[in-house]
């Protein structure tokens, strides 16, 4: 779709740094990574007006092996970060994705997320929709 998501072109050093910045959840099959997501507690969620709120945590680095998408792996990973958000006492869990990635936005909305803002990150070639869910 032409979106330059940071995670699609970052090097291993940036991937490691971003994963170590939060709680990284990994789905594996026979020792092969097939999905990942990183949860960021409220004190590490920042960069736009919504993320800067003290009661908002977030997640990112979310991906599932393309050939295994629609098998429930992504739902399990999202369940994990949403449980983690509850454990930390956050009031909201948020994420951002490309404004034009309507299929992703609809997926998040089906899980109860709502649009709360727009961000323009330096690392991407698109505007990002910020979505959030009360937990």
N, C-alpha and C. Protein backbone atom coordinates (compact mmCIF):
# COMPACT_ATOMS: atom_id res chain seq x y z
N UNK A 1 0.82 -1.20 0.00
CA UNK A 1 0.00 0.00 0.00
C UNK A 1 0.86 1.26 0.00
N UNK A 2 2.17 1.09 0.05
CA UNK A 2 3.07 2.24 -0.01
C UNK A 2 3.36 2.91 1.32
N UNK A 3 2.83 2.39 2.41
CA UNK A 3 3.11 2.98 3.73
C UNK A 3 4.50 2.55 4.19
N UNK A 4 5.24 3.50 4.68
CA UNK A 4 6.58 3.22 5.18
C UNK A 4 6.55 3.14 6.71
N UNK A 5 5.95 2.05 7.21
CA UNK A 5 5.90 1.82 8.65
C UNK A 5 7.34 1.69 9.15
N UNK A 6 7.65 2.33 10.24
CA UNK A 6 9.00 2.29 10.80
C UNK A 6 9.51 0.86 10.94
N UNK A 7 8.67 -0.03 11.42
CA UNK A 7 9.09 -1.41 11.67
C UNK A 7 9.46 -2.16 10.39
N UNK A 8 9.04 -1.67 9.23
CA UNK A 8 9.34 -2.38 7.99
C UNK A 8 10.75 -2.11 7.47
N UNK A 9 11.41 -1.09 8.00
CA UNK A 9 12.74 -0.77 7.49
C UNK A 9 13.77 -0.48 8.58
N UNK A 10 13.39 -0.62 9.84
CA UNK A 10 14.35 -0.38 10.92
C UNK A 10 15.34 -1.54 10.99
N UNK A 11 16.54 -1.25 11.43
CA UNK A 11 17.55 -2.28 11.58
C UNK A 11 17.37 -3.05 12.88
N UNK A 12 18.16 -4.12 13.03
CA UNK A 12 18.06 -4.94 14.25
C UNK A 12 18.33 -4.14 15.52
N UNK A 13 19.22 -3.15 15.47
CA UNK A 13 19.52 -2.35 16.65
C UNK A 13 18.31 -1.53 17.10
N UNK A 14 17.60 -0.95 16.16
CA UNK A 14 16.40 -0.17 16.48
C UNK A 14 15.29 -1.11 16.96
N UNK A 15 15.15 -2.26 16.33
CA UNK A 15 14.15 -3.24 16.76
C UNK A 15 14.41 -3.63 18.21
N UNK A 16 15.65 -3.93 18.53
CA UNK A 16 16.01 -4.31 19.91
C UNK A 16 15.70 -3.18 20.88
N UNK A 17 16.08 -1.97 20.52
CA UNK A 17 15.84 -0.81 21.38
C UNK A 17 14.34 -0.61 21.63
N UNK A 18 13.54 -0.71 20.57
CA UNK A 18 12.10 -0.51 20.71
C UNK A 18 11.46 -1.62 21.54
N UNK A 19 11.91 -2.85 21.35
CA UNK A 19 11.37 -3.96 22.14
C UNK A 19 11.77 -3.85 23.60
N UNK A 20 13.00 -3.45 23.86
CA UNK A 20 13.45 -3.31 25.25
C UNK A 20 12.82 -2.11 25.95
N UNK A 21 12.21 -1.21 25.18
CA UNK A 21 11.55 -0.05 25.74
C UNK A 21 10.21 -0.36 26.38
N UNK A 22 9.77 -1.60 26.25
CA UNK A 22 8.49 -2.00 26.81
C UNK A 22 8.50 -3.48 27.11
N UNK A 23 7.32 -4.08 27.11
CA UNK A 23 7.18 -5.52 27.31
C UNK A 23 6.87 -6.13 25.95
N UNK A 24 7.82 -6.88 25.42
CA UNK A 24 7.67 -7.47 24.09
C UNK A 24 7.07 -8.87 24.19
N UNK A 25 5.97 -9.07 23.49
CA UNK A 25 5.32 -10.37 23.43
C UNK A 25 5.61 -10.98 22.06
N UNK A 26 5.96 -12.25 22.04
CA UNK A 26 6.33 -12.93 20.80
C UNK A 26 5.51 -14.20 20.66
N UNK A 27 4.95 -14.40 19.48
CA UNK A 27 4.29 -15.67 19.15
C UNK A 27 5.29 -16.47 18.33
N UNK A 28 5.45 -17.74 18.69
CA UNK A 28 6.37 -18.56 17.91
C UNK A 28 5.73 -19.89 17.57
N UNK A 29 6.24 -20.47 16.52
CA UNK A 29 5.80 -21.80 16.08
C UNK A 29 7.07 -22.59 15.80
N UNK A 30 7.34 -23.55 16.63
CA UNK A 30 8.53 -24.36 16.44
C UNK A 30 9.83 -23.58 16.49
N UNK A 31 9.86 -22.55 17.34
CA UNK A 31 11.06 -21.74 17.47
C UNK A 31 11.18 -20.63 16.44
N UNK A 32 10.21 -20.50 15.56
CA UNK A 32 10.21 -19.44 14.53
C UNK A 32 9.25 -18.33 14.96
N UNK A 33 9.71 -17.09 14.97
CA UNK A 33 8.84 -15.96 15.33
C UNK A 33 7.80 -15.77 14.24
N UNK A 34 6.52 -15.78 14.66
CA UNK A 34 5.43 -15.60 13.69
C UNK A 34 4.57 -14.37 14.01
N UNK A 35 4.86 -13.73 15.13
CA UNK A 35 4.13 -12.53 15.49
C UNK A 35 4.79 -11.84 16.66
N UNK A 36 4.57 -10.55 16.75
CA UNK A 36 5.15 -9.78 17.85
C UNK A 36 4.33 -8.52 18.11
N UNK A 37 4.40 -8.06 19.34
CA UNK A 37 3.81 -6.78 19.73
C UNK A 37 4.55 -6.32 20.99
N UNK A 38 4.72 -5.02 21.11
CA UNK A 38 5.38 -4.47 22.30
C UNK A 38 4.43 -3.52 23.02
N UNK A 39 4.26 -3.78 24.31
CA UNK A 39 3.44 -2.95 25.18
C UNK A 39 4.32 -1.89 25.83
N UNK A 40 3.85 -0.64 25.84
CA UNK A 40 4.56 0.47 26.47
C UNK A 40 3.70 1.04 27.60
N UNK A 41 4.18 1.00 28.85
CA UNK A 41 3.39 1.55 29.95
C UNK A 41 3.23 3.07 29.79
N UNK A 42 2.33 3.63 30.55
CA UNK A 42 2.01 5.06 30.42
C UNK A 42 3.24 5.95 30.51
N UNK A 43 4.17 5.61 31.41
CA UNK A 43 5.35 6.48 31.56
C UNK A 43 6.30 6.42 30.37
N UNK A 44 6.09 5.47 29.46
CA UNK A 44 6.92 5.37 28.26
C UNK A 44 6.12 5.65 26.99
N UNK A 45 4.87 6.07 27.15
CA UNK A 45 4.01 6.41 26.01
C UNK A 45 4.03 7.92 25.86
N UNK A 46 4.56 8.38 24.73
CA UNK A 46 4.70 9.83 24.53
C UNK A 46 4.87 10.15 23.06
N UNK A 47 4.79 11.43 22.73
CA UNK A 47 5.10 11.88 21.39
C UNK A 47 3.99 12.63 20.68
N UNK A 48 2.76 12.53 21.19
CA UNK A 48 1.65 13.32 20.65
C UNK A 48 0.72 13.64 21.82
N UNK A 49 -0.23 14.52 21.61
CA UNK A 49 -1.08 14.98 22.71
C UNK A 49 -1.77 13.83 23.45
N UNK A 50 -2.31 12.86 22.72
CA UNK A 50 -3.01 11.75 23.39
C UNK A 50 -2.02 10.87 24.15
N UNK A 51 -0.90 10.54 23.52
CA UNK A 51 0.10 9.68 24.16
C UNK A 51 0.72 10.34 25.39
N UNK A 52 0.74 11.65 25.43
CA UNK A 52 1.36 12.35 26.56
C UNK A 52 0.47 12.38 27.81
N UNK A 53 -0.74 11.89 27.71
CA UNK A 53 -1.65 11.85 28.87
C UNK A 53 -1.14 10.80 29.86
N UNK A 54 -1.13 11.09 31.15
CA UNK A 54 -0.54 10.18 32.13
C UNK A 54 -1.28 8.86 32.32
N UNK A 55 -2.52 8.77 31.88
CA UNK A 55 -3.29 7.54 32.07
C UNK A 55 -3.33 6.65 30.82
N UNK A 56 -2.57 7.03 29.79
CA UNK A 56 -2.60 6.32 28.51
C UNK A 56 -1.33 5.50 28.31
N UNK A 57 -1.50 4.19 28.11
CA UNK A 57 -0.40 3.32 27.72
C UNK A 57 -0.58 3.04 26.22
N UNK A 58 0.34 2.30 25.62
CA UNK A 58 0.22 2.06 24.19
C UNK A 58 0.88 0.74 23.79
N UNK A 59 0.70 0.39 22.54
CA UNK A 59 1.42 -0.74 21.99
C UNK A 59 1.85 -0.43 20.56
N UNK A 60 2.88 -1.13 20.11
CA UNK A 60 3.42 -0.95 18.77
C UNK A 60 4.24 -2.17 18.39
N UNK A 61 4.99 -2.03 17.30
CA UNK A 61 5.80 -3.15 16.82
C UNK A 61 4.91 -4.38 16.65
N UNK A 62 3.69 -4.17 16.18
CA UNK A 62 2.70 -5.23 16.08
C UNK A 62 2.69 -5.79 14.67
N UNK A 63 2.96 -7.08 14.56
CA UNK A 63 2.97 -7.72 13.25
C UNK A 63 2.76 -9.22 13.40
N UNK A 64 2.17 -9.79 12.37
CA UNK A 64 1.99 -11.24 12.27
C UNK A 64 2.48 -11.65 10.90
N UNK A 65 3.18 -12.77 10.84
CA UNK A 65 3.65 -13.33 9.57
C UNK A 65 2.50 -13.29 8.57
N UNK A 66 2.68 -12.64 7.42
CA UNK A 66 1.57 -12.48 6.46
C UNK A 66 0.84 -13.78 6.10
N UNK A 67 1.57 -14.87 5.92
CA UNK A 67 0.91 -16.12 5.54
C UNK A 67 0.06 -16.70 6.67
N UNK A 68 0.23 -16.19 7.90
CA UNK A 68 -0.52 -16.70 9.05
C UNK A 68 -1.55 -15.71 9.57
N UNK A 69 -1.72 -14.60 8.87
CA UNK A 69 -2.72 -13.64 9.29
C UNK A 69 -4.12 -14.25 9.14
N UNK A 70 -5.03 -13.79 9.97
CA UNK A 70 -6.42 -14.27 10.03
C UNK A 70 -6.53 -15.64 10.68
N UNK A 71 -5.48 -16.03 11.42
CA UNK A 71 -5.51 -17.31 12.14
C UNK A 71 -5.70 -17.10 13.64
N UNK A 72 -5.91 -15.85 14.06
CA UNK A 72 -6.14 -15.57 15.47
C UNK A 72 -4.89 -15.19 16.26
N UNK A 73 -3.73 -15.19 15.61
CA UNK A 73 -2.48 -14.86 16.30
C UNK A 73 -2.48 -13.40 16.74
N UNK A 74 -2.89 -12.52 15.86
CA UNK A 74 -2.95 -11.10 16.20
C UNK A 74 -3.90 -10.84 17.36
N UNK A 75 -5.04 -11.52 17.37
CA UNK A 75 -6.00 -11.36 18.46
C UNK A 75 -5.39 -11.79 19.78
N UNK A 76 -4.65 -12.88 19.78
CA UNK A 76 -4.00 -13.35 21.01
C UNK A 76 -2.96 -12.33 21.49
N UNK A 77 -2.21 -11.76 20.56
CA UNK A 77 -1.21 -10.75 20.94
C UNK A 77 -1.89 -9.50 21.48
N UNK A 78 -2.99 -9.09 20.86
CA UNK A 78 -3.71 -7.92 21.37
C UNK A 78 -4.33 -8.20 22.73
N UNK A 79 -4.83 -9.41 22.92
CA UNK A 79 -5.35 -9.79 24.24
C UNK A 79 -4.25 -9.62 25.29
N UNK A 80 -3.04 -10.03 24.94
CA UNK A 80 -1.92 -9.95 25.89
C UNK A 80 -1.61 -8.50 26.28
N UNK A 81 -1.55 -7.59 25.30
CA UNK A 81 -1.23 -6.20 25.65
C UNK A 81 -2.38 -5.53 26.39
N UNK A 82 -3.60 -5.90 26.06
CA UNK A 82 -4.74 -5.33 26.77
C UNK A 82 -4.77 -5.81 28.22
N UNK A 83 -4.44 -7.08 28.45
CA UNK A 83 -4.34 -7.58 29.83
C UNK A 83 -3.22 -6.85 30.57
N UNK A 84 -2.11 -6.65 29.90
CA UNK A 84 -0.97 -5.96 30.52
C UNK A 84 -1.36 -4.53 30.89
N UNK A 85 -2.13 -3.87 30.03
CA UNK A 85 -2.60 -2.51 30.32
C UNK A 85 -3.42 -2.48 31.60
N UNK A 86 -4.31 -3.45 31.76
CA UNK A 86 -5.12 -3.53 32.97
C UNK A 86 -4.21 -3.73 34.18
N UNK A 87 -3.23 -4.61 34.06
CA UNK A 87 -2.31 -4.88 35.17
C UNK A 87 -1.55 -3.63 35.61
N UNK A 88 -1.25 -2.74 34.68
CA UNK A 88 -0.49 -1.53 35.03
C UNK A 88 -1.37 -0.43 35.60
N UNK A 89 -2.69 -0.59 35.53
CA UNK A 89 -3.59 0.41 36.06
C UNK A 89 -3.89 1.56 35.11
N UNK A 90 -3.51 1.43 33.85
CA UNK A 90 -3.81 2.47 32.87
C UNK A 90 -5.32 2.56 32.65
N UNK A 91 -5.78 3.73 32.25
CA UNK A 91 -7.20 3.92 31.95
C UNK A 91 -7.49 3.68 30.47
N UNK A 92 -6.48 3.87 29.63
CA UNK A 92 -6.63 3.75 28.18
C UNK A 92 -5.42 3.02 27.61
N UNK A 93 -5.65 2.30 26.52
CA UNK A 93 -4.55 1.74 25.73
C UNK A 93 -4.71 2.28 24.32
N UNK A 94 -3.62 2.77 23.76
CA UNK A 94 -3.67 3.44 22.47
C UNK A 94 -2.66 2.84 21.50
N UNK A 95 -2.85 3.18 20.24
CA UNK A 95 -1.95 2.76 19.17
C UNK A 95 -2.06 3.77 18.05
N UNK A 96 -1.15 3.68 17.11
CA UNK A 96 -1.27 4.49 15.91
C UNK A 96 -1.00 3.64 14.69
N UNK A 97 -1.66 3.99 13.60
CA UNK A 97 -1.46 3.32 12.32
C UNK A 97 -1.70 4.31 11.21
N UNK A 98 -1.29 3.96 10.02
CA UNK A 98 -1.46 4.86 8.87
C UNK A 98 -2.92 5.23 8.68
N UNK A 99 -3.15 6.53 8.50
CA UNK A 99 -4.51 7.03 8.32
C UNK A 99 -5.21 6.34 7.15
N UNK A 100 -4.46 5.97 6.13
CA UNK A 100 -5.03 5.32 4.96
C UNK A 100 -5.18 3.81 5.08
N UNK A 101 -4.72 3.23 6.17
CA UNK A 101 -4.82 1.78 6.38
C UNK A 101 -6.19 1.47 6.96
N UNK A 102 -7.22 1.70 6.17
CA UNK A 102 -8.59 1.59 6.66
C UNK A 102 -8.92 0.18 7.14
N UNK A 103 -8.32 -0.83 6.53
CA UNK A 103 -8.57 -2.21 6.98
C UNK A 103 -8.06 -2.42 8.40
N UNK A 104 -6.92 -1.81 8.75
CA UNK A 104 -6.40 -1.92 10.12
C UNK A 104 -7.25 -1.10 11.09
N UNK A 105 -7.62 0.09 10.68
CA UNK A 105 -8.44 0.94 11.53
C UNK A 105 -9.77 0.23 11.85
N UNK A 106 -10.36 -0.40 10.85
CA UNK A 106 -11.61 -1.13 11.08
C UNK A 106 -11.40 -2.31 12.01
N UNK A 107 -10.28 -3.01 11.89
CA UNK A 107 -9.96 -4.12 12.78
C UNK A 107 -9.91 -3.63 14.23
N UNK A 108 -9.21 -2.52 14.45
CA UNK A 108 -9.10 -1.98 15.81
C UNK A 108 -10.46 -1.50 16.32
N UNK A 109 -11.25 -0.89 15.47
CA UNK A 109 -12.57 -0.43 15.89
C UNK A 109 -13.46 -1.60 16.31
N UNK A 110 -13.33 -2.72 15.62
CA UNK A 110 -14.12 -3.91 16.00
C UNK A 110 -13.73 -4.40 17.40
N UNK A 111 -12.53 -4.08 17.84
CA UNK A 111 -12.08 -4.46 19.18
C UNK A 111 -12.40 -3.38 20.22
N UNK A 112 -13.09 -2.32 19.81
CA UNK A 112 -13.51 -1.29 20.75
C UNK A 112 -12.66 -0.03 20.77
N UNK A 113 -11.71 0.07 19.86
CA UNK A 113 -10.89 1.28 19.79
C UNK A 113 -11.65 2.36 19.04
N UNK A 114 -11.34 3.61 19.36
CA UNK A 114 -11.98 4.76 18.72
C UNK A 114 -10.91 5.74 18.29
N UNK A 115 -11.22 6.55 17.31
CA UNK A 115 -10.28 7.57 16.82
C UNK A 115 -10.21 8.70 17.82
N UNK A 116 -8.98 9.10 18.19
CA UNK A 116 -8.82 10.19 19.16
C UNK A 116 -7.88 11.28 18.66
N UNK A 117 -7.25 11.10 17.51
CA UNK A 117 -6.36 12.14 17.02
C UNK A 117 -5.54 11.69 15.83
N UNK A 118 -4.69 12.61 15.40
CA UNK A 118 -3.80 12.40 14.25
C UNK A 118 -2.40 12.80 14.69
N UNK A 119 -1.40 12.05 14.22
CA UNK A 119 0.00 12.40 14.48
C UNK A 119 0.76 12.38 13.17
N UNK A 120 1.79 13.17 13.10
CA UNK A 120 2.65 13.23 11.92
C UNK A 120 4.07 12.92 12.38
N UNK A 121 4.44 11.63 12.35
CA UNK A 121 5.76 11.20 12.80
C UNK A 121 6.80 11.47 11.72
N UNK A 122 7.99 11.88 12.13
CA UNK A 122 9.08 12.15 11.18
C UNK A 122 9.50 10.91 10.40
N UNK A 123 9.39 9.73 10.99
CA UNK A 123 9.91 8.50 10.40
C UNK A 123 9.01 7.88 9.35
N UNK A 124 7.79 8.39 9.17
CA UNK A 124 6.84 7.76 8.26
C UNK A 124 6.50 8.68 7.09
N UNK A 125 5.86 8.12 6.08
CA UNK A 125 5.45 8.88 4.90
C UNK A 125 3.93 9.08 4.85
N UNK A 126 3.30 9.10 6.00
CA UNK A 126 1.85 9.21 6.09
C UNK A 126 1.48 9.87 7.41
N UNK A 127 0.24 10.31 7.50
CA UNK A 127 -0.30 10.75 8.79
C UNK A 127 -0.78 9.52 9.52
N UNK A 128 -0.65 9.53 10.83
CA UNK A 128 -1.07 8.39 11.63
C UNK A 128 -2.35 8.69 12.37
N UNK A 129 -3.27 7.75 12.34
CA UNK A 129 -4.48 7.81 13.12
C UNK A 129 -4.16 7.26 14.50
N UNK A 130 -4.49 8.02 15.54
CA UNK A 130 -4.33 7.55 16.91
C UNK A 130 -5.68 6.96 17.32
N UNK A 131 -5.65 5.73 17.79
CA UNK A 131 -6.86 5.05 18.27
C UNK A 131 -6.64 4.66 19.72
N UNK A 132 -7.70 4.64 20.50
CA UNK A 132 -7.57 4.34 21.92
C UNK A 132 -8.81 3.59 22.39
N UNK A 133 -8.60 2.84 23.47
CA UNK A 133 -9.68 2.04 24.05
C UNK A 133 -9.63 2.19 25.57
N UNK A 134 -10.77 2.47 26.17
CA UNK A 134 -10.85 2.49 27.63
C UNK A 134 -10.74 1.05 28.13
N UNK A 135 -9.99 0.87 29.21
CA UNK A 135 -9.83 -0.49 29.74
C UNK A 135 -10.24 -0.54 31.21
